[in-house]
Amino acid sequence: MALALKTVDLGAASSSADVIFDSLREAIVEGVLKDGDLLRQDRIAAMFNVSRIPVREALARLEEQGLVTNQRYKGAVVSSLSLDEISEMFEFRALLESDVVRRSVDRISDQTLTEARLFADQFARETDSSQWGRLNRQFHYTLYRDSNRPYHLQVISKALDNVDRYLRAQLVLTSGIEIARREHVAILQAAIDRDSAAAAALTRDHILGACRSLIEFLEVERQQ
């Protein structure tokens, strides 16, 4: 298998593990690396012109985030989530993100609303499906920014990393993108109206609706 990673020559770099970690993480989250793909240390080290030491460090960090699993006799592979695990992550996101957006909208600034509207508009106009995940994330994160809950946002980011590659597939291969566009408009309007309860309820329904659509899609895909 050819690894499609963004690489640079890190032979003399001091942050080799960080760069390798970021490159692998991006490839997994964006779906370039698929569930079960083998991540051979020697091949990755050669691609970045480094020893195996920073590669092992990067893989260990990815394993801590749940993106990589070490299998006996095989080595590091891209983690695969069961449907139950995906459902639980979305349920957790719905609880946490609805609370964060409620706190944020209670104190949201005009500048934050302007930026959120920009990302919502870009998401609605974007025709390149490879950009949908990034713009979706930027829209939601902007609305959460004024919550003053940095640890909550860190946990949300980790949960998104684990499900983003599945959610991207759902947006591309189902009608999820049109639904997401409409629901973004409603969430944004609730934030503009400073209606934190409505923003929280809409965000919760948005996440749980995406979960139902994703699970239905994956059930069919995995049966095939």
N, C-alpha and C. Protein backbone atom coordinates (compact mmCIF):
# COMPACT_ATOMS: atom_id res chain seq x y z
N MET A 1 0.84 -1.20 0.00
CA MET A 1 0.00 0.00 0.00
C MET A 1 0.87 1.25 0.00
N ALA A 2 0.61 2.18 -0.89
CA ALA A 2 1.34 3.44 -0.94
C ALA A 2 0.71 4.42 0.03
N LEU A 3 1.54 5.00 0.90
CA LEU A 3 1.02 5.97 1.87
C LEU A 3 1.01 7.36 1.24
N ALA A 4 -0.16 7.99 1.21
CA ALA A 4 -0.29 9.33 0.65
C ALA A 4 -0.20 10.34 1.78
N LEU A 5 1.03 10.69 2.16
CA LEU A 5 1.24 11.62 3.26
C LEU A 5 1.96 12.86 2.77
N LYS A 6 1.73 13.98 3.46
CA LYS A 6 2.49 15.19 3.21
C LYS A 6 3.81 15.06 3.96
N THR A 7 4.91 14.99 3.25
CA THR A 7 6.19 14.74 3.90
C THR A 7 7.18 15.86 3.61
N VAL A 8 8.17 15.95 4.52
CA VAL A 8 9.32 16.84 4.32
C VAL A 8 10.54 16.08 4.82
N ASP A 9 11.72 16.56 4.45
CA ASP A 9 12.96 15.94 4.91
C ASP A 9 13.23 16.41 6.33
N LEU A 10 13.12 15.48 7.28
CA LEU A 10 13.27 15.85 8.68
C LEU A 10 14.60 15.37 9.28
N GLY A 11 15.54 15.09 8.42
CA GLY A 11 16.80 14.54 8.89
C GLY A 11 17.46 15.36 9.98
N ALA A 12 17.36 16.67 9.90
CA ALA A 12 18.03 17.51 10.89
C ALA A 12 17.04 18.26 11.77
N ALA A 13 15.80 17.92 11.70
CA ALA A 13 14.78 18.66 12.45
C ALA A 13 14.69 18.17 13.88
N SER A 14 14.35 19.08 14.80
CA SER A 14 14.24 18.72 16.21
C SER A 14 12.83 18.30 16.58
N SER A 15 11.85 18.61 15.74
CA SER A 15 10.45 18.29 16.05
C SER A 15 9.92 17.24 15.10
N SER A 16 10.75 16.28 14.76
CA SER A 16 10.36 15.26 13.79
C SER A 16 9.09 14.54 14.21
N ALA A 17 9.02 14.12 15.46
CA ALA A 17 7.86 13.36 15.93
C ALA A 17 6.58 14.18 15.80
N ASP A 18 6.67 15.49 16.08
CA ASP A 18 5.49 16.35 15.96
C ASP A 18 4.99 16.41 14.52
N VAL A 19 5.92 16.58 13.57
CA VAL A 19 5.54 16.69 12.17
C VAL A 19 4.95 15.38 11.66
N ILE A 20 5.58 14.26 12.04
CA ILE A 20 5.06 12.96 11.62
C ILE A 20 3.70 12.71 12.23
N PHE A 21 3.55 13.04 13.50
CA PHE A 21 2.25 12.90 14.18
C PHE A 21 1.17 13.70 13.45
N ASP A 22 1.46 14.97 13.15
CA ASP A 22 0.47 15.82 12.47
C ASP A 22 0.11 15.27 11.10
N SER A 23 1.11 14.79 10.36
CA SER A 23 0.86 14.27 9.01
C SER A 23 0.00 13.02 9.05
N LEU A 24 0.34 12.09 9.95
CA LEU A 24 -0.44 10.85 10.06
C LEU A 24 -1.84 11.13 10.57
N ARG A 25 -1.94 12.00 11.56
CA ARG A 25 -3.25 12.35 12.12
C ARG A 25 -4.16 12.94 11.04
N GLU A 26 -3.63 13.86 10.25
CA GLU A 26 -4.41 14.47 9.17
C GLU A 26 -4.86 13.42 8.16
N ALA A 27 -3.97 12.52 7.81
CA ALA A 27 -4.31 11.49 6.83
C ALA A 27 -5.40 10.55 7.35
N ILE A 28 -5.37 10.25 8.66
CA ILE A 28 -6.39 9.38 9.24
C ILE A 28 -7.73 10.11 9.34
N VAL A 29 -7.70 11.32 9.88
CA VAL A 29 -8.95 12.08 10.06
C VAL A 29 -9.63 12.34 8.72
N GLU A 30 -8.83 12.65 7.68
CA GLU A 30 -9.40 12.97 6.37
C GLU A 30 -9.76 11.72 5.57
N GLY A 31 -9.43 10.55 6.10
CA GLY A 31 -9.81 9.32 5.42
C GLY A 31 -8.83 8.88 4.35
N VAL A 32 -7.67 9.54 4.24
CA VAL A 32 -6.65 9.09 3.28
C VAL A 32 -6.13 7.72 3.72
N LEU A 33 -5.92 7.57 5.01
CA LEU A 33 -5.60 6.27 5.60
C LEU A 33 -6.90 5.67 6.13
N LYS A 34 -7.19 4.44 5.73
CA LYS A 34 -8.46 3.80 6.04
C LYS A 34 -8.35 2.91 7.28
N ASP A 35 -9.52 2.53 7.81
CA ASP A 35 -9.57 1.59 8.92
C ASP A 35 -8.76 0.33 8.59
N GLY A 36 -7.87 -0.06 9.51
CA GLY A 36 -7.11 -1.29 9.33
C GLY A 36 -5.84 -1.15 8.51
N ASP A 37 -5.59 0.03 7.92
CA ASP A 37 -4.35 0.21 7.16
C ASP A 37 -3.13 0.04 8.07
N LEU A 38 -2.14 -0.68 7.58
CA LEU A 38 -0.92 -0.94 8.33
C LEU A 38 0.02 0.26 8.22
N LEU A 39 0.57 0.68 9.37
CA LEU A 39 1.50 1.81 9.41
C LEU A 39 2.88 1.27 9.76
N ARG A 40 3.65 0.94 8.73
CA ARG A 40 4.97 0.35 8.93
C ARG A 40 5.99 1.41 9.31
N GLN A 41 6.65 1.19 10.43
CA GLN A 41 7.60 2.19 10.93
C GLN A 41 8.74 2.43 9.95
N ASP A 42 9.27 1.38 9.34
CA ASP A 42 10.42 1.56 8.45
C ASP A 42 10.04 2.38 7.22
N ARG A 43 8.84 2.14 6.69
CA ARG A 43 8.40 2.88 5.51
C ARG A 43 8.18 4.35 5.83
N ILE A 44 7.54 4.61 6.97
CA ILE A 44 7.28 6.00 7.37
C ILE A 44 8.60 6.72 7.65
N ALA A 45 9.53 6.04 8.32
CA ALA A 45 10.83 6.65 8.62
C ALA A 45 11.56 7.02 7.34
N ALA A 46 11.50 6.15 6.33
CA ALA A 46 12.17 6.43 5.06
C ALA A 46 11.51 7.62 4.35
N MET A 47 10.20 7.72 4.44
CA MET A 47 9.49 8.82 3.78
C MET A 47 9.90 10.17 4.34
N PHE A 48 10.16 10.21 5.67
CA PHE A 48 10.52 11.47 6.32
C PHE A 48 12.03 11.62 6.54
N ASN A 49 12.81 10.61 6.09
CA ASN A 49 14.26 10.64 6.24
C ASN A 49 14.68 10.78 7.71
N VAL A 50 14.11 9.93 8.56
CA VAL A 50 14.44 9.93 9.98
C VAL A 50 14.64 8.49 10.44
N SER A 51 15.09 8.33 11.68
CA SER A 51 15.17 7.00 12.28
C SER A 51 13.76 6.58 12.72
N ARG A 52 13.65 5.38 13.24
CA ARG A 52 12.34 4.90 13.69
C ARG A 52 11.92 5.53 15.02
N ILE A 53 12.83 6.16 15.73
CA ILE A 53 12.52 6.69 17.07
C ILE A 53 11.39 7.73 17.02
N PRO A 54 11.48 8.79 16.19
CA PRO A 54 10.36 9.74 16.16
C PRO A 54 9.08 9.13 15.59
N VAL A 55 9.22 8.13 14.73
CA VAL A 55 8.03 7.46 14.19
C VAL A 55 7.31 6.72 15.31
N ARG A 56 8.07 6.00 16.14
CA ARG A 56 7.47 5.28 17.27
C ARG A 56 6.77 6.26 18.22
N GLU A 57 7.41 7.41 18.46
CA GLU A 57 6.80 8.42 19.34
C GLU A 57 5.49 8.94 18.76
N ALA A 58 5.50 9.22 17.45
CA ALA A 58 4.29 9.72 16.80
C ALA A 58 3.17 8.68 16.86
N LEU A 59 3.50 7.42 16.61
CA LEU A 59 2.50 6.35 16.64
C LEU A 59 1.95 6.15 18.05
N ALA A 60 2.82 6.30 19.05
CA ALA A 60 2.37 6.16 20.43
C ALA A 60 1.36 7.25 20.78
N ARG A 61 1.61 8.46 20.31
CA ARG A 61 0.68 9.56 20.57
C ARG A 61 -0.65 9.35 19.86
N LEU A 62 -0.59 8.82 18.64
CA LEU A 62 -1.82 8.51 17.90
C LEU A 62 -2.60 7.41 18.60
N GLU A 63 -1.88 6.46 19.20
CA GLU A 63 -2.56 5.39 19.94
C GLU A 63 -3.26 5.96 21.17
N GLU A 64 -2.63 6.92 21.85
CA GLU A 64 -3.24 7.57 23.01
C GLU A 64 -4.55 8.27 22.63
N GLN A 65 -4.61 8.78 21.40
CA GLN A 65 -5.82 9.48 20.94
C GLN A 65 -6.85 8.53 20.36
N GLY A 66 -6.54 7.25 20.30
CA GLY A 66 -7.50 6.28 19.79
C GLY A 66 -7.52 6.15 18.29
N LEU A 67 -6.58 6.78 17.60
CA LEU A 67 -6.57 6.74 16.14
C LEU A 67 -5.77 5.56 15.59
N VAL A 68 -4.91 5.00 16.42
CA VAL A 68 -4.06 3.88 16.01
C VAL A 68 -4.15 2.79 17.07
N THR A 69 -4.10 1.54 16.62
CA THR A 69 -4.10 0.38 17.51
C THR A 69 -2.90 -0.49 17.17
N ASN A 70 -2.24 -0.99 18.19
CA ASN A 70 -1.13 -1.92 17.98
C ASN A 70 -1.65 -3.35 18.08
N GLN A 71 -1.50 -4.10 17.00
CA GLN A 71 -1.98 -5.47 16.95
C GLN A 71 -0.79 -6.44 17.01
N ARG A 72 -0.96 -7.49 17.77
CA ARG A 72 0.11 -8.48 17.93
C ARG A 72 0.43 -9.13 16.58
N TYR A 73 1.71 -9.27 16.31
CA TYR A 73 2.24 -9.87 15.09
C TYR A 73 2.02 -9.00 13.84
N LYS A 74 1.37 -7.87 14.00
CA LYS A 74 1.09 -7.03 12.83
C LYS A 74 1.70 -5.64 12.98
N GLY A 75 1.55 -5.04 14.13
CA GLY A 75 2.06 -3.70 14.35
C GLY A 75 0.95 -2.67 14.42
N ALA A 76 1.30 -1.41 14.14
CA ALA A 76 0.35 -0.31 14.24
C ALA A 76 -0.57 -0.28 13.03
N VAL A 77 -1.86 -0.19 13.30
CA VAL A 77 -2.86 -0.06 12.23
C VAL A 77 -3.82 1.05 12.59
N VAL A 78 -4.48 1.61 11.58
CA VAL A 78 -5.50 2.63 11.81
C VAL A 78 -6.69 1.98 12.52
N SER A 79 -7.13 2.60 13.61
CA SER A 79 -8.20 2.02 14.42
C SER A 79 -9.51 1.98 13.65
N SER A 80 -10.31 0.98 13.97
CA SER A 80 -11.65 0.85 13.41
C SER A 80 -12.64 0.87 14.55
N LEU A 81 -13.69 1.69 14.44
CA LEU A 81 -14.70 1.81 15.48
C LEU A 81 -15.91 0.98 15.14
N SER A 82 -16.48 0.34 16.15
CA SER A 82 -17.74 -0.38 15.96
C SER A 82 -18.88 0.63 15.88
N LEU A 83 -20.03 0.18 15.41
CA LEU A 83 -21.18 1.08 15.33
C LEU A 83 -21.61 1.53 16.72
N ASP A 84 -21.50 0.66 17.70
CA ASP A 84 -21.85 1.05 19.08
C ASP A 84 -20.90 2.12 19.59
N GLU A 85 -19.61 2.00 19.28
CA GLU A 85 -18.65 3.01 19.72
C GLU A 85 -18.91 4.35 19.05
N ILE A 86 -19.24 4.32 17.76
CA ILE A 86 -19.54 5.56 17.05
C ILE A 86 -20.79 6.22 17.64
N SER A 87 -21.82 5.44 17.90
CA SER A 87 -23.05 5.97 18.49
C SER A 87 -22.77 6.62 19.84
N GLU A 88 -21.97 5.95 20.65
CA GLU A 88 -21.67 6.49 21.98
C GLU A 88 -20.91 7.81 21.88
N MET A 89 -19.97 7.89 20.95
CA MET A 89 -19.22 9.13 20.78
C MET A 89 -20.13 10.29 20.36
N PHE A 90 -21.09 10.02 19.47
CA PHE A 90 -22.00 11.07 19.05
C PHE A 90 -22.94 11.47 20.18
N GLU A 91 -23.37 10.51 20.96
CA GLU A 91 -24.22 10.83 22.11
C GLU A 91 -23.45 11.71 23.11
N PHE A 92 -22.18 11.37 23.32
CA PHE A 92 -21.34 12.18 24.20
C PHE A 92 -21.16 13.58 23.64
N ARG A 93 -20.90 13.67 22.34
CA ARG A 93 -20.76 14.98 21.70
C ARG A 93 -22.03 15.81 21.86
N ALA A 94 -23.17 15.18 21.68
CA ALA A 94 -24.44 15.91 21.78
C ALA A 94 -24.61 16.51 23.17
N LEU A 95 -24.26 15.75 24.19
CA LEU A 95 -24.36 16.26 25.57
C LEU A 95 -23.39 17.41 25.80
N LEU A 96 -22.13 17.20 25.42
CA LEU A 96 -21.10 18.18 25.72
C LEU A 96 -21.21 19.43 24.86
N GLU A 97 -21.40 19.26 23.56
CA GLU A 97 -21.41 20.41 22.66
C GLU A 97 -22.65 21.27 22.84
N SER A 98 -23.78 20.67 23.21
CA SER A 98 -24.97 21.49 23.46
C SER A 98 -24.76 22.37 24.68
N ASP A 99 -24.06 21.83 25.69
CA ASP A 99 -23.77 22.63 26.89
C ASP A 99 -22.77 23.73 26.58
N VAL A 100 -21.74 23.41 25.78
CA VAL A 100 -20.71 24.40 25.45
C VAL A 100 -21.31 25.54 24.62
N VAL A 101 -22.15 25.22 23.63
CA VAL A 101 -22.71 26.29 22.81
C VAL A 101 -23.68 27.14 23.62
N ARG A 102 -24.39 26.54 24.57
CA ARG A 102 -25.27 27.32 25.44
C ARG A 102 -24.47 28.34 26.25
N ARG A 103 -23.35 27.90 26.83
CA ARG A 103 -22.50 28.81 27.60
C ARG A 103 -21.91 29.90 26.70
N SER A 104 -21.54 29.52 25.49
CA SER A 104 -20.92 30.48 24.58
C SER A 104 -21.90 31.55 24.12
N VAL A 105 -23.11 31.12 23.73
CA VAL A 105 -24.09 32.08 23.21
C VAL A 105 -24.51 33.08 24.28
N ASP A 106 -24.46 32.68 25.54
CA ASP A 106 -24.79 33.61 26.63
C ASP A 106 -23.85 34.80 26.69
N ARG A 107 -22.66 34.66 26.11
CA ARG A 107 -21.67 35.74 26.18
C ARG A 107 -21.04 36.03 24.81
N ILE A 108 -21.64 35.57 23.75
CA ILE A 108 -21.01 35.61 22.44
C ILE A 108 -20.82 37.04 21.94
N SER A 109 -19.69 37.28 21.27
CA SER A 109 -19.37 38.61 20.77
C SER A 109 -19.83 38.77 19.32
N ASP A 110 -19.96 40.02 18.91
CA ASP A 110 -20.32 40.28 17.51
C ASP A 110 -19.25 39.76 16.56
N GLN A 111 -17.97 39.87 16.97
CA GLN A 111 -16.88 39.38 16.11
C GLN A 111 -17.00 37.86 15.91
N THR A 112 -17.30 37.13 16.98
CA THR A 112 -17.46 35.69 16.87
C THR A 112 -18.61 35.34 15.93
N LEU A 113 -19.71 36.05 16.04
CA LEU A 113 -20.86 35.81 15.17
C LEU A 113 -20.51 36.08 13.71
N THR A 114 -19.74 37.13 13.48
CA THR A 114 -19.33 37.45 12.12
C THR A 114 -18.48 36.32 11.52
N GLU A 115 -17.56 35.79 12.32
CA GLU A 115 -16.71 34.70 11.85
C GLU A 115 -17.51 33.43 11.63
N ALA A 116 -18.46 33.15 12.54
CA ALA A 116 -19.29 31.95 12.39
C ALA A 116 -20.14 32.04 11.13
N ARG A 117 -20.68 33.22 10.84
CA ARG A 117 -21.46 33.41 9.63
C ARG A 117 -20.60 33.19 8.39
N LEU A 118 -19.35 33.64 8.43
CA LEU A 118 -18.43 33.45 7.32
C LEU A 118 -18.22 31.96 7.04
N PHE A 119 -17.98 31.18 8.09
CA PHE A 119 -17.75 29.75 7.90
C PHE A 119 -19.03 29.04 7.45
N ALA A 120 -20.18 29.47 7.96
CA ALA A 120 -21.45 28.88 7.52
C ALA A 120 -21.68 29.15 6.04
N ASP A 121 -21.37 30.36 5.61
CA ASP A 121 -21.54 30.72 4.20
C ASP A 121 -20.56 29.93 3.33
N GLN A 122 -19.31 29.80 3.77
CA GLN A 122 -18.33 29.04 3.01
C GLN A 122 -18.74 27.58 2.91
N PHE A 123 -19.24 27.02 4.00
CA PHE A 123 -19.69 25.63 4.01
C PHE A 123 -20.85 25.45 3.02
N ALA A 124 -21.77 26.41 3.00
CA ALA A 124 -22.93 26.31 2.13
C ALA A 124 -22.56 26.41 0.65
N ARG A 125 -21.51 27.18 0.34
CA ARG A 125 -21.13 27.39 -1.06
C ARG A 125 -20.11 26.38 -1.57
N GLU A 126 -19.40 25.72 -0.65
CA GLU A 126 -18.28 24.86 -1.04
C GLU A 126 -18.76 23.65 -1.84
N THR A 127 -18.14 23.44 -2.99
CA THR A 127 -18.46 22.28 -3.83
C THR A 127 -17.42 21.19 -3.73
N ASP A 128 -16.26 21.50 -3.15
CA ASP A 128 -15.19 20.52 -2.98
C ASP A 128 -15.46 19.74 -1.69
N SER A 129 -15.86 18.49 -1.82
CA SER A 129 -16.24 17.69 -0.65
C SER A 129 -15.08 17.50 0.33
N SER A 130 -13.85 17.61 -0.15
CA SER A 130 -12.70 17.44 0.75
C SER A 130 -12.60 18.57 1.77
N GLN A 131 -13.31 19.68 1.53
CA GLN A 131 -13.27 20.83 2.43
C GLN A 131 -14.44 20.86 3.42
N TRP A 132 -15.43 20.01 3.22
CA TRP A 132 -16.63 20.07 4.06
C TRP A 132 -16.33 19.81 5.53
N GLY A 133 -15.50 18.81 5.81
CA GLY A 133 -15.19 18.49 7.19
C GLY A 133 -14.51 19.65 7.91
N ARG A 134 -13.53 20.26 7.24
CA ARG A 134 -12.81 21.39 7.85
C ARG A 134 -13.73 22.56 8.13
N LEU A 135 -14.57 22.92 7.16
CA LEU A 135 -15.46 24.07 7.32
C LEU A 135 -16.53 23.80 8.37
N ASN A 136 -17.03 22.57 8.40
CA ASN A 136 -18.01 22.20 9.42
C ASN A 136 -17.43 22.37 10.81
N ARG A 137 -16.21 21.90 10.96
CA ARG A 137 -15.54 21.99 12.26
C ARG A 137 -15.28 23.45 12.64
N GLN A 138 -14.84 24.25 11.69
CA GLN A 138 -14.56 25.66 11.99
C GLN A 138 -15.84 26.41 12.37
N PHE A 139 -16.94 26.10 11.71
CA PHE A 139 -18.21 26.74 12.05
C PHE A 139 -18.59 26.46 13.50
N HIS A 140 -18.61 25.19 13.87
CA HIS A 140 -19.02 24.83 15.22
C HIS A 140 -18.04 25.36 16.26
N TYR A 141 -16.75 25.20 15.99
CA TYR A 141 -15.75 25.64 16.97
C TYR A 141 -15.81 27.14 17.21
N THR A 142 -16.11 27.89 16.15
CA THR A 142 -16.23 29.34 16.33
C THR A 142 -17.39 29.67 17.26
N LEU A 143 -18.50 28.99 17.11
CA LEU A 143 -19.64 29.24 18.00
C LEU A 143 -19.36 28.80 19.43
N TYR A 144 -18.44 27.85 19.62
CA TYR A 144 -18.12 27.38 20.97
C TYR A 144 -17.06 28.24 21.65
N ARG A 145 -16.38 29.06 20.88
CA ARG A 145 -15.17 29.73 21.36
C ARG A 145 -15.38 30.58 22.60
N ASP A 146 -16.50 31.28 22.71
CA ASP A 146 -16.71 32.19 23.82
C ASP A 146 -17.24 31.50 25.07
N SER A 147 -17.24 30.18 25.08
CA SER A 147 -17.73 29.43 26.25
C SER A 147 -16.76 29.49 27.42
N ASN A 148 -15.49 29.81 27.13
CA ASN A 148 -14.45 29.84 28.16
C ASN A 148 -14.31 28.46 28.81
N ARG A 149 -14.35 27.43 27.98
CA ARG A 149 -14.20 26.05 28.44
C ARG A 149 -13.14 25.33 27.60
N PRO A 150 -11.86 25.70 27.76
CA PRO A 150 -10.81 25.13 26.91
C PRO A 150 -10.69 23.61 27.04
N TYR A 151 -10.87 23.05 28.24
CA TYR A 151 -10.76 21.61 28.38
C TYR A 151 -11.91 20.91 27.65
N HIS A 152 -13.11 21.46 27.75
CA HIS A 152 -14.25 20.90 27.02
C HIS A 152 -13.94 20.85 25.53
N LEU A 153 -13.37 21.93 25.01
CA LEU A 153 -13.07 22.00 23.57
C LEU A 153 -11.99 21.00 23.18
N GLN A 154 -11.05 20.77 24.07
CA GLN A 154 -10.01 19.77 23.81
C GLN A 154 -10.63 18.37 23.71
N VAL A 155 -11.56 18.07 24.60
CA VAL A 155 -12.22 16.76 24.59
C VAL A 155 -13.08 16.61 23.33
N ILE A 156 -13.79 17.68 22.97
CA ILE A 156 -14.60 17.65 21.76
C ILE A 156 -13.73 17.41 20.53
N SER A 157 -12.57 18.06 20.48
CA SER A 157 -11.66 17.90 19.35
C SER A 157 -11.21 16.45 19.22
N LYS A 158 -10.89 15.81 20.34
CA LYS A 158 -10.46 14.41 20.31
C LYS A 158 -11.58 13.50 19.81
N ALA A 159 -12.81 13.76 20.28
CA ALA A 159 -13.95 12.95 19.83
C ALA A 159 -14.18 13.12 18.33
N LEU A 160 -14.04 14.35 17.84
CA LEU A 160 -14.21 14.61 16.42
C LEU A 160 -13.14 13.91 15.59
N ASP A 161 -11.91 13.89 16.09
CA ASP A 161 -10.84 13.20 15.38
C ASP A 161 -11.20 11.74 15.13
N ASN A 162 -11.83 11.13 16.12
CA ASN A 162 -12.15 9.71 16.03
C ASN A 162 -13.28 9.40 15.05
N VAL A 163 -14.19 10.35 14.84
CA VAL A 163 -15.35 10.07 13.98
C VAL A 163 -15.35 10.86 12.68
N ASP A 164 -14.42 11.80 12.52
CA ASP A 164 -14.45 12.68 11.36
C ASP A 164 -14.40 11.91 10.04
N ARG A 165 -13.57 10.87 9.97
CA ARG A 165 -13.44 10.16 8.70
C ARG A 165 -14.73 9.45 8.32
N TYR A 166 -15.51 9.03 9.31
CA TYR A 166 -16.80 8.41 9.03
C TYR A 166 -17.82 9.48 8.64
N LEU A 167 -17.78 10.60 9.36
CA LEU A 167 -18.74 11.67 9.08
C LEU A 167 -18.51 12.27 7.70
N ARG A 168 -17.26 12.40 7.28
CA ARG A 168 -16.97 12.90 5.95
C ARG A 168 -17.59 12.00 4.88
N ALA A 169 -17.46 10.70 5.06
CA ALA A 169 -18.04 9.77 4.10
C ALA A 169 -19.55 9.91 4.05
N GLN A 170 -20.16 10.08 5.21
CA GLN A 170 -21.62 10.23 5.27
C GLN A 170 -22.07 11.50 4.55
N LEU A 171 -21.33 12.59 4.71
CA LEU A 171 -21.69 13.84 4.06
C LEU A 171 -21.58 13.72 2.54
N VAL A 172 -20.55 13.00 2.09
CA VAL A 172 -20.31 12.90 0.65
C VAL A 172 -21.29 11.94 -0.02
N LEU A 173 -21.57 10.82 0.61
CA LEU A 173 -22.30 9.74 -0.05
C LEU A 173 -23.79 9.70 0.26
N THR A 174 -24.27 10.59 1.13
CA THR A 174 -25.71 10.66 1.43
C THR A 174 -26.16 12.11 1.24
N SER A 175 -27.39 12.39 1.63
CA SER A 175 -27.90 13.76 1.53
C SER A 175 -27.53 14.59 2.76
N GLY A 176 -26.57 14.12 3.54
CA GLY A 176 -26.20 14.78 4.78
C GLY A 176 -25.76 16.21 4.62
N ILE A 177 -25.12 16.54 3.50
CA ILE A 177 -24.59 17.89 3.33
C ILE A 177 -25.71 18.92 3.26
N GLU A 178 -26.81 18.62 2.57
CA GLU A 178 -27.92 19.57 2.47
C GLU A 178 -28.58 19.77 3.82
N ILE A 179 -28.74 18.69 4.57
CA ILE A 179 -29.32 18.80 5.91
C ILE A 179 -28.42 19.64 6.80
N ALA A 180 -27.12 19.39 6.74
CA ALA A 180 -26.17 20.13 7.56
C ALA A 180 -26.21 21.62 7.25
N ARG A 181 -26.31 21.97 5.98
CA ARG A 181 -26.37 23.38 5.60
C ARG A 181 -27.58 24.07 6.22
N ARG A 182 -28.75 23.42 6.13
CA ARG A 182 -29.96 24.01 6.70
C ARG A 182 -29.85 24.14 8.22
N GLU A 183 -29.31 23.13 8.85
CA GLU A 183 -29.23 23.14 10.31
C GLU A 183 -28.20 24.15 10.80
N HIS A 184 -27.14 24.36 10.05
CA HIS A 184 -26.18 25.40 10.41
C HIS A 184 -26.83 26.77 10.42
N VAL A 185 -27.66 27.03 9.45
CA VAL A 185 -28.36 28.33 9.37
C VAL A 185 -29.22 28.53 10.61
N ALA A 186 -29.93 27.49 11.03
CA ALA A 186 -30.81 27.59 12.19
C ALA A 186 -30.01 27.81 13.48
N ILE A 187 -28.91 27.08 13.63
CA ILE A 187 -28.07 27.24 14.82
C ILE A 187 -27.48 28.65 14.86
N LEU A 188 -26.99 29.12 13.71
CA LEU A 188 -26.41 30.46 13.65
C LEU A 188 -27.45 31.52 14.01
N GLN A 189 -28.67 31.38 13.50
CA GLN A 189 -29.70 32.36 13.79
C GLN A 189 -30.03 32.39 15.29
N ALA A 190 -30.06 31.22 15.92
CA ALA A 190 -30.30 31.18 17.36
C ALA A 190 -29.19 31.90 18.11
N ALA A 191 -27.95 31.75 17.65
CA ALA A 191 -26.83 32.45 18.28
C ALA A 191 -26.95 33.96 18.07
N ILE A 192 -27.32 34.38 16.86
CA ILE A 192 -27.50 35.81 16.57
C ILE A 192 -28.59 36.40 17.45
N ASP A 193 -29.65 35.61 17.70
CA ASP A 193 -30.75 36.05 18.56
C ASP A 193 -30.40 35.98 20.04
N ARG A 194 -29.20 35.49 20.34
CA ARG A 194 -28.75 35.28 21.72
C ARG A 194 -29.70 34.34 22.48
N ASP A 195 -30.26 33.39 21.77
CA ASP A 195 -31.17 32.40 22.36
C ASP A 195 -30.35 31.14 22.64
N SER A 196 -29.72 31.11 23.81
CA SER A 196 -28.80 30.02 24.12
C SER A 196 -29.51 28.67 24.25
N ALA A 197 -30.74 28.68 24.75
CA ALA A 197 -31.48 27.42 24.89
C ALA A 197 -31.78 26.81 23.51
N ALA A 198 -32.20 27.66 22.57
CA ALA A 198 -32.49 27.18 21.23
C ALA A 198 -31.22 26.70 20.54
N ALA A 199 -30.11 27.44 20.70
CA ALA A 199 -28.84 27.04 20.09
C ALA A 199 -28.40 25.68 20.62
N ALA A 200 -28.58 25.46 21.93
CA ALA A 200 -28.21 24.18 22.54
C ALA A 200 -29.07 23.04 22.00
N ALA A 201 -30.38 23.26 21.93
CA ALA A 201 -31.29 22.22 21.45
C ALA A 201 -31.04 21.89 19.98
N LEU A 202 -30.81 22.92 19.18
CA LEU A 202 -30.56 22.70 17.75
C LEU A 202 -29.23 21.98 17.52
N THR A 203 -28.22 22.33 18.32
CA THR A 203 -26.92 21.66 18.20
C THR A 203 -27.04 20.19 18.58
N ARG A 204 -27.77 19.92 19.66
CA ARG A 204 -27.97 18.53 20.08
C ARG A 204 -28.69 17.73 18.99
N ASP A 205 -29.77 18.29 18.44
CA ASP A 205 -30.51 17.59 17.40
C ASP A 205 -29.67 17.41 16.14
N HIS A 206 -28.85 18.40 15.83
CA HIS A 206 -27.96 18.36 14.67
C HIS A 206 -26.98 17.19 14.77
N ILE A 207 -26.38 17.02 15.94
CA ILE A 207 -25.40 15.96 16.14
C ILE A 207 -26.05 14.59 16.15
N LEU A 208 -27.19 14.46 16.85
CA LEU A 208 -27.87 13.17 16.92
C LEU A 208 -28.46 12.78 15.56
N GLY A 209 -28.91 13.77 14.80
CA GLY A 209 -29.42 13.48 13.46
C GLY A 209 -28.32 12.98 12.55
N ALA A 210 -27.15 13.61 12.64
CA ALA A 210 -26.00 13.15 11.85
C ALA A 210 -25.60 11.74 12.26
N CYS A 211 -25.71 11.45 13.55
CA CYS A 211 -25.38 10.11 14.04
C CYS A 211 -26.31 9.06 13.44
N ARG A 212 -27.61 9.32 13.45
CA ARG A 212 -28.56 8.36 12.89
C ARG A 212 -28.29 8.11 11.41
N SER A 213 -28.05 9.18 10.67
CA SER A 213 -27.78 9.05 9.24
C SER A 213 -26.48 8.28 9.00
N LEU A 214 -25.45 8.57 9.82
CA LEU A 214 -24.17 7.90 9.67
C LEU A 214 -24.28 6.40 9.97
N ILE A 215 -24.97 6.05 11.05
CA ILE A 215 -25.11 4.65 11.41
C ILE A 215 -25.87 3.89 10.33
N GLU A 216 -26.93 4.48 9.80
CA GLU A 216 -27.68 3.84 8.72
C GLU A 216 -26.79 3.60 7.51
N PHE A 217 -25.98 4.59 7.18
CA PHE A 217 -25.06 4.48 6.05
C PHE A 217 -24.02 3.38 6.29
N LEU A 218 -23.43 3.36 7.49
CA LEU A 218 -22.38 2.39 7.79
C LEU A 218 -22.93 0.96 7.88
N GLU A 219 -24.15 0.82 8.35
CA GLU A 219 -24.76 -0.51 8.41
C GLU A 219 -24.85 -1.12 7.01
N VAL A 220 -25.29 -0.32 6.06
CA VAL A 220 -25.39 -0.80 4.68
C VAL A 220 -24.00 -1.06 4.11
N GLU A 221 -23.07 -0.12 4.32
CA GLU A 221 -21.71 -0.24 3.76
C GLU A 221 -21.01 -1.48 4.30
N ARG A 222 -21.11 -1.74 5.59
CA ARG A 222 -20.38 -2.86 6.20
C ARG A 222 -21.03 -4.20 5.84
N GLN A 223 -22.31 -4.21 5.57
CA GLN A 223 -22.96 -5.43 5.10
C GLN A 223 -22.47 -5.81 3.71
N GLN A 224 -22.18 -4.77 2.92
CA GLN A 224 -21.71 -5.00 1.55
C GLN A 224 -20.25 -5.42 1.54
